[in-house]
Amino acid sequence: SIYIYISSRFHIDLGNDANDLALHFNPRFLDNADGSVLVFNSKTAGCWGEERREIPKPLHRGKEVKIVLKLAGDVFEVEIPDDHEFKFPNQESVDVISYIRIGGDFKLTSFKIC
């Protein structure tokens, strides 16, 4: 679970290292282009891929939320409140996650790896 403070954004990165990210999940609450948006991306050899943006409103500042990230073969499945699920391609065909980074203005209340 994550408790989101008065934050403009936070991120969860999964991959091999900081320069090779299979998934960059980046909810933004005050995005200049779209307001509140979920951003998905990947990074290979330090270069960002094509950003994908989704604009549902299930994440709110000042609320505790459960976010589930699953590596399901050729896709990552991201589950957030209100039964929203997103799929992002596992473009590098990563089968083991050896790097996890979580950053931003939030309080991590629970973390589980299965």
N, C-alpha and C. Protein backbone atom coordinates (compact mmCIF):
# COMPACT_ATOMS: atom_id res chain seq x y z
N SER A 1 0.84 -1.18 0.00
CA SER A 1 0.00 0.00 0.00
C SER A 1 0.88 1.24 0.00
N ILE A 2 0.38 2.28 -0.58
CA ILE A 2 1.08 3.56 -0.62
C ILE A 2 0.10 4.63 -0.14
N TYR A 3 0.56 5.48 0.77
CA TYR A 3 -0.22 6.64 1.18
C TYR A 3 0.34 7.83 0.41
N ILE A 4 -0.47 8.49 -0.39
CA ILE A 4 -0.03 9.58 -1.25
C ILE A 4 -0.25 10.90 -0.51
N TYR A 5 0.85 11.58 -0.20
CA TYR A 5 0.77 12.89 0.45
C TYR A 5 0.38 13.94 -0.58
N ILE A 6 0.52 15.21 -0.21
CA ILE A 6 0.31 16.30 -1.16
C ILE A 6 1.48 16.23 -2.13
N SER A 7 1.30 15.51 -3.17
CA SER A 7 2.38 15.17 -4.09
C SER A 7 1.98 15.55 -5.50
N SER A 8 2.96 15.89 -6.30
CA SER A 8 2.66 16.13 -7.71
C SER A 8 2.91 14.87 -8.53
N ARG A 9 3.75 13.96 -8.00
CA ARG A 9 4.03 12.71 -8.70
C ARG A 9 4.83 11.76 -7.82
N PHE A 10 4.79 10.49 -8.19
CA PHE A 10 5.71 9.50 -7.63
C PHE A 10 5.97 8.48 -8.72
N HIS A 11 6.93 7.59 -8.51
CA HIS A 11 7.23 6.61 -9.55
C HIS A 11 7.66 5.28 -8.93
N ILE A 12 7.43 4.23 -9.71
CA ILE A 12 7.88 2.89 -9.38
C ILE A 12 8.61 2.37 -10.61
N ASP A 13 9.88 2.00 -10.44
CA ASP A 13 10.70 1.49 -11.54
C ASP A 13 11.05 0.03 -11.30
N LEU A 14 10.90 -0.79 -12.33
CA LEU A 14 11.28 -2.20 -12.29
C LEU A 14 12.17 -2.50 -13.48
N GLY A 15 13.25 -3.26 -13.26
CA GLY A 15 14.13 -3.61 -14.37
C GLY A 15 15.41 -4.26 -13.90
N ASN A 16 16.48 -4.01 -14.67
CA ASN A 16 17.80 -4.56 -14.35
C ASN A 16 18.67 -3.58 -13.58
N ASP A 17 18.56 -2.29 -13.91
CA ASP A 17 19.28 -1.22 -13.21
C ASP A 17 18.64 0.11 -13.62
N ALA A 18 19.21 1.21 -13.14
CA ALA A 18 18.62 2.53 -13.39
C ALA A 18 18.59 2.91 -14.86
N ASN A 19 19.45 2.31 -15.68
CA ASN A 19 19.50 2.62 -17.11
C ASN A 19 18.72 1.64 -17.97
N ASP A 20 18.26 0.55 -17.38
CA ASP A 20 17.49 -0.46 -18.10
C ASP A 20 16.24 -0.80 -17.29
N LEU A 21 15.17 -0.07 -17.57
CA LEU A 21 13.91 -0.23 -16.86
C LEU A 21 12.89 -0.89 -17.77
N ALA A 22 12.39 -2.03 -17.34
CA ALA A 22 11.34 -2.70 -18.10
C ALA A 22 10.01 -1.98 -17.92
N LEU A 23 9.81 -1.37 -16.73
CA LEU A 23 8.59 -0.63 -16.44
C LEU A 23 8.91 0.59 -15.59
N HIS A 24 8.47 1.74 -16.04
CA HIS A 24 8.49 2.99 -15.27
C HIS A 24 7.03 3.41 -15.15
N PHE A 25 6.48 3.30 -13.94
CA PHE A 25 5.09 3.66 -13.66
C PHE A 25 5.12 4.97 -12.88
N ASN A 26 4.49 6.03 -13.44
CA ASN A 26 4.66 7.38 -12.92
C ASN A 26 3.32 8.14 -12.87
N PRO A 27 2.53 7.95 -11.79
CA PRO A 27 1.32 8.76 -11.65
C PRO A 27 1.70 10.23 -11.42
N ARG A 28 1.06 11.12 -12.15
CA ARG A 28 1.30 12.56 -12.03
C ARG A 28 -0.03 13.24 -11.73
N PHE A 29 -0.04 14.07 -10.71
CA PHE A 29 -1.28 14.71 -10.29
C PHE A 29 -1.43 16.13 -10.80
N LEU A 30 -0.33 16.74 -11.21
CA LEU A 30 -0.37 18.12 -11.69
C LEU A 30 0.39 18.23 -13.01
N ASP A 31 0.14 17.33 -13.94
CA ASP A 31 0.84 17.33 -15.21
C ASP A 31 0.41 18.54 -16.04
N ASN A 32 1.36 19.23 -16.63
CA ASN A 32 1.06 20.43 -17.42
C ASN A 32 0.16 20.15 -18.61
N ALA A 33 0.31 18.98 -19.23
CA ALA A 33 -0.46 18.67 -20.43
C ALA A 33 -1.84 18.10 -20.12
N ASP A 34 -1.90 17.17 -19.15
CA ASP A 34 -3.13 16.40 -18.96
C ASP A 34 -3.75 16.49 -17.57
N GLY A 35 -3.21 17.28 -16.67
CA GLY A 35 -3.75 17.31 -15.32
C GLY A 35 -3.31 16.07 -14.56
N SER A 36 -4.25 15.22 -14.19
CA SER A 36 -3.95 13.97 -13.51
C SER A 36 -3.81 12.86 -14.55
N VAL A 37 -2.65 12.19 -14.56
CA VAL A 37 -2.37 11.21 -15.60
C VAL A 37 -1.47 10.10 -15.06
N LEU A 38 -1.63 8.90 -15.60
CA LEU A 38 -0.72 7.79 -15.33
C LEU A 38 0.22 7.67 -16.52
N VAL A 39 1.51 7.68 -16.26
CA VAL A 39 2.50 7.58 -17.33
C VAL A 39 3.21 6.24 -17.22
N PHE A 40 3.32 5.54 -18.34
CA PHE A 40 4.04 4.28 -18.44
C PHE A 40 5.17 4.46 -19.44
N ASN A 41 6.34 3.88 -19.14
CA ASN A 41 7.45 3.98 -20.08
C ASN A 41 8.45 2.88 -19.76
N SER A 42 9.47 2.77 -20.60
CA SER A 42 10.59 1.87 -20.37
C SER A 42 11.86 2.64 -20.74
N LYS A 43 13.00 2.10 -20.31
CA LYS A 43 14.28 2.74 -20.61
C LYS A 43 15.28 1.64 -20.97
N THR A 44 15.96 1.81 -22.11
CA THR A 44 16.96 0.84 -22.55
C THR A 44 18.28 1.57 -22.78
N ALA A 45 19.34 1.08 -22.15
CA ALA A 45 20.68 1.68 -22.27
C ALA A 45 20.63 3.19 -22.01
N GLY A 46 19.82 3.60 -21.03
CA GLY A 46 19.74 5.01 -20.65
C GLY A 46 18.82 5.86 -21.49
N CYS A 47 18.18 5.29 -22.51
CA CYS A 47 17.29 6.05 -23.40
C CYS A 47 15.84 5.68 -23.14
N TRP A 48 15.01 6.70 -22.91
CA TRP A 48 13.59 6.46 -22.67
C TRP A 48 12.90 5.99 -23.95
N GLY A 49 11.92 5.10 -23.77
CA GLY A 49 11.10 4.65 -24.88
C GLY A 49 9.95 5.62 -25.12
N GLU A 50 8.96 5.16 -25.84
CA GLU A 50 7.78 5.99 -26.12
C GLU A 50 6.85 5.98 -24.91
N GLU A 51 6.53 7.16 -24.41
CA GLU A 51 5.68 7.30 -23.24
C GLU A 51 4.23 6.99 -23.58
N ARG A 52 3.58 6.25 -22.68
CA ARG A 52 2.15 5.99 -22.84
C ARG A 52 1.43 6.66 -21.68
N ARG A 53 0.34 7.37 -21.97
CA ARG A 53 -0.41 8.11 -20.96
C ARG A 53 -1.85 7.59 -20.88
N GLU A 54 -2.31 7.41 -19.65
CA GLU A 54 -3.70 7.03 -19.38
C GLU A 54 -4.27 8.08 -18.43
N ILE A 55 -5.56 8.41 -18.59
CA ILE A 55 -6.13 9.52 -17.82
C ILE A 55 -7.32 9.11 -16.94
N PRO A 56 -7.31 7.96 -16.30
CA PRO A 56 -8.36 7.68 -15.32
C PRO A 56 -8.06 8.45 -14.04
N LYS A 57 -9.02 8.55 -13.15
CA LYS A 57 -8.83 9.33 -11.93
C LYS A 57 -8.92 8.49 -10.65
N PRO A 58 -8.42 7.26 -10.59
CA PRO A 58 -8.60 6.46 -9.38
C PRO A 58 -7.59 6.74 -8.27
N LEU A 59 -6.51 7.48 -8.57
CA LEU A 59 -5.53 7.80 -7.54
C LEU A 59 -5.72 9.25 -7.12
N HIS A 60 -5.77 9.46 -5.81
CA HIS A 60 -6.02 10.80 -5.28
C HIS A 60 -5.03 11.11 -4.17
N ARG A 61 -4.56 12.34 -4.15
CA ARG A 61 -3.66 12.76 -3.09
C ARG A 61 -4.37 12.69 -1.75
N GLY A 62 -3.61 12.32 -0.71
CA GLY A 62 -4.16 12.23 0.63
C GLY A 62 -4.90 10.95 0.92
N LYS A 63 -4.80 9.96 0.04
CA LYS A 63 -5.49 8.67 0.21
C LYS A 63 -4.48 7.53 0.22
N GLU A 64 -4.82 6.46 0.92
CA GLU A 64 -4.02 5.25 0.86
C GLU A 64 -4.56 4.38 -0.27
N VAL A 65 -3.66 3.85 -1.08
CA VAL A 65 -4.06 3.03 -2.22
C VAL A 65 -3.22 1.77 -2.28
N LYS A 66 -3.78 0.77 -2.91
CA LYS A 66 -3.04 -0.46 -3.17
C LYS A 66 -2.76 -0.50 -4.67
N ILE A 67 -1.49 -0.67 -5.00
CA ILE A 67 -1.05 -0.78 -6.39
C ILE A 67 -0.39 -2.14 -6.55
N VAL A 68 -0.83 -2.91 -7.52
CA VAL A 68 -0.27 -4.23 -7.78
C VAL A 68 0.40 -4.22 -9.14
N LEU A 69 1.68 -4.60 -9.17
CA LEU A 69 2.44 -4.70 -10.42
C LEU A 69 2.79 -6.17 -10.62
N LYS A 70 2.41 -6.72 -11.76
CA LYS A 70 2.68 -8.13 -12.05
C LYS A 70 3.44 -8.25 -13.37
N LEU A 71 4.48 -9.06 -13.36
CA LEU A 71 5.17 -9.42 -14.59
C LEU A 71 4.50 -10.69 -15.09
N ALA A 72 3.79 -10.60 -16.20
CA ALA A 72 3.02 -11.73 -16.73
C ALA A 72 3.52 -12.07 -18.14
N GLY A 73 4.76 -12.56 -18.21
CA GLY A 73 5.33 -12.94 -19.50
C GLY A 73 5.67 -11.74 -20.35
N ASP A 74 4.90 -11.52 -21.40
CA ASP A 74 5.22 -10.45 -22.35
C ASP A 74 4.59 -9.11 -22.00
N VAL A 75 3.91 -9.03 -20.84
CA VAL A 75 3.31 -7.76 -20.40
C VAL A 75 3.48 -7.58 -18.89
N PHE A 76 3.42 -6.32 -18.47
CA PHE A 76 3.27 -5.98 -17.06
C PHE A 76 1.81 -5.63 -16.87
N GLU A 77 1.22 -6.15 -15.81
CA GLU A 77 -0.15 -5.80 -15.45
C GLU A 77 -0.09 -4.89 -14.24
N VAL A 78 -0.73 -3.74 -14.33
CA VAL A 78 -0.76 -2.76 -13.24
C VAL A 78 -2.20 -2.61 -12.79
N GLU A 79 -2.46 -2.94 -11.53
CA GLU A 79 -3.80 -2.84 -10.97
C GLU A 79 -3.82 -1.71 -9.95
N ILE A 80 -4.81 -0.83 -10.08
CA ILE A 80 -4.99 0.28 -9.15
C ILE A 80 -6.45 0.28 -8.70
N PRO A 81 -6.82 1.10 -7.71
CA PRO A 81 -8.19 1.07 -7.17
C PRO A 81 -9.29 1.21 -8.22
N ASP A 82 -10.48 0.84 -7.81
CA ASP A 82 -11.69 0.90 -8.63
C ASP A 82 -11.62 -0.04 -9.82
N ASP A 83 -10.94 -1.16 -9.66
CA ASP A 83 -10.84 -2.21 -10.68
C ASP A 83 -10.24 -1.72 -12.00
N HIS A 84 -9.34 -0.76 -11.94
CA HIS A 84 -8.63 -0.33 -13.14
C HIS A 84 -7.40 -1.21 -13.33
N GLU A 85 -7.25 -1.74 -14.52
CA GLU A 85 -6.07 -2.55 -14.85
C GLU A 85 -5.50 -2.07 -16.17
N PHE A 86 -4.19 -1.96 -16.20
CA PHE A 86 -3.48 -1.52 -17.40
C PHE A 86 -2.43 -2.55 -17.75
N LYS A 87 -2.17 -2.70 -19.02
CA LYS A 87 -1.12 -3.60 -19.49
C LYS A 87 -0.09 -2.78 -20.25
N PHE A 88 1.18 -3.05 -19.94
CA PHE A 88 2.28 -2.37 -20.61
C PHE A 88 3.23 -3.45 -21.11
N PRO A 89 3.63 -3.40 -22.38
CA PRO A 89 4.46 -4.48 -22.94
C PRO A 89 5.81 -4.62 -22.25
N ASN A 90 6.21 -5.85 -22.05
CA ASN A 90 7.54 -6.18 -21.54
C ASN A 90 8.47 -6.17 -22.75
N GLN A 91 8.86 -4.99 -23.17
CA GLN A 91 9.55 -4.80 -24.45
C GLN A 91 10.93 -5.44 -24.50
N GLU A 92 11.57 -5.58 -23.36
CA GLU A 92 12.91 -6.19 -23.32
C GLU A 92 12.85 -7.67 -22.96
N SER A 93 11.65 -8.23 -22.87
CA SER A 93 11.46 -9.64 -22.51
C SER A 93 12.18 -10.00 -21.21
N VAL A 94 12.10 -9.12 -20.24
CA VAL A 94 12.70 -9.36 -18.92
C VAL A 94 11.92 -10.48 -18.24
N ASP A 95 12.64 -11.45 -17.67
CA ASP A 95 11.95 -12.51 -16.94
C ASP A 95 12.27 -12.49 -15.45
N VAL A 96 13.28 -11.70 -15.06
CA VAL A 96 13.64 -11.53 -13.66
C VAL A 96 13.84 -10.04 -13.39
N ILE A 97 13.23 -9.55 -12.34
CA ILE A 97 13.39 -8.15 -11.93
C ILE A 97 14.47 -8.12 -10.85
N SER A 98 15.59 -7.46 -11.14
CA SER A 98 16.69 -7.37 -10.18
C SER A 98 16.85 -5.96 -9.61
N TYR A 99 16.05 -5.01 -10.09
CA TYR A 99 16.15 -3.62 -9.65
C TYR A 99 14.75 -3.08 -9.42
N ILE A 100 14.53 -2.53 -8.23
CA ILE A 100 13.27 -1.88 -7.89
C ILE A 100 13.60 -0.53 -7.26
N ARG A 101 12.98 0.51 -7.76
CA ARG A 101 13.16 1.85 -7.18
C ARG A 101 11.79 2.50 -7.07
N ILE A 102 11.52 3.03 -5.89
CA ILE A 102 10.26 3.73 -5.63
C ILE A 102 10.63 5.10 -5.09
N GLY A 103 10.12 6.16 -5.71
CA GLY A 103 10.48 7.50 -5.27
C GLY A 103 9.33 8.47 -5.40
N GLY A 104 9.42 9.55 -4.66
CA GLY A 104 8.39 10.59 -4.71
C GLY A 104 7.90 10.93 -3.32
N ASP A 105 6.88 11.74 -3.25
CA ASP A 105 6.34 12.22 -1.99
C ASP A 105 5.16 11.34 -1.57
N PHE A 106 5.48 10.25 -0.89
CA PHE A 106 4.46 9.30 -0.45
C PHE A 106 5.02 8.54 0.75
N LYS A 107 4.17 7.78 1.40
CA LYS A 107 4.59 6.92 2.50
C LYS A 107 4.27 5.49 2.10
N LEU A 108 5.29 4.66 2.05
CA LEU A 108 5.11 3.25 1.72
C LEU A 108 4.69 2.53 3.00
N THR A 109 3.50 1.95 3.01
CA THR A 109 3.01 1.27 4.21
C THR A 109 3.13 -0.24 4.12
N SER A 110 3.31 -0.76 2.91
CA SER A 110 3.43 -2.21 2.74
C SER A 110 4.09 -2.48 1.40
N PHE A 111 4.92 -3.51 1.36
CA PHE A 111 5.58 -3.89 0.11
C PHE A 111 5.75 -5.39 0.13
N LYS A 112 5.34 -6.06 -0.95
CA LYS A 112 5.38 -7.51 -0.99
C LYS A 112 5.84 -7.97 -2.36
N ILE A 113 6.78 -8.91 -2.39
CA ILE A 113 7.23 -9.52 -3.64
C ILE A 113 6.81 -10.98 -3.63
N CYS A 114 6.13 -11.40 -4.69
CA CYS A 114 5.67 -12.80 -4.79
C CYS A 114 6.33 -13.47 -5.97
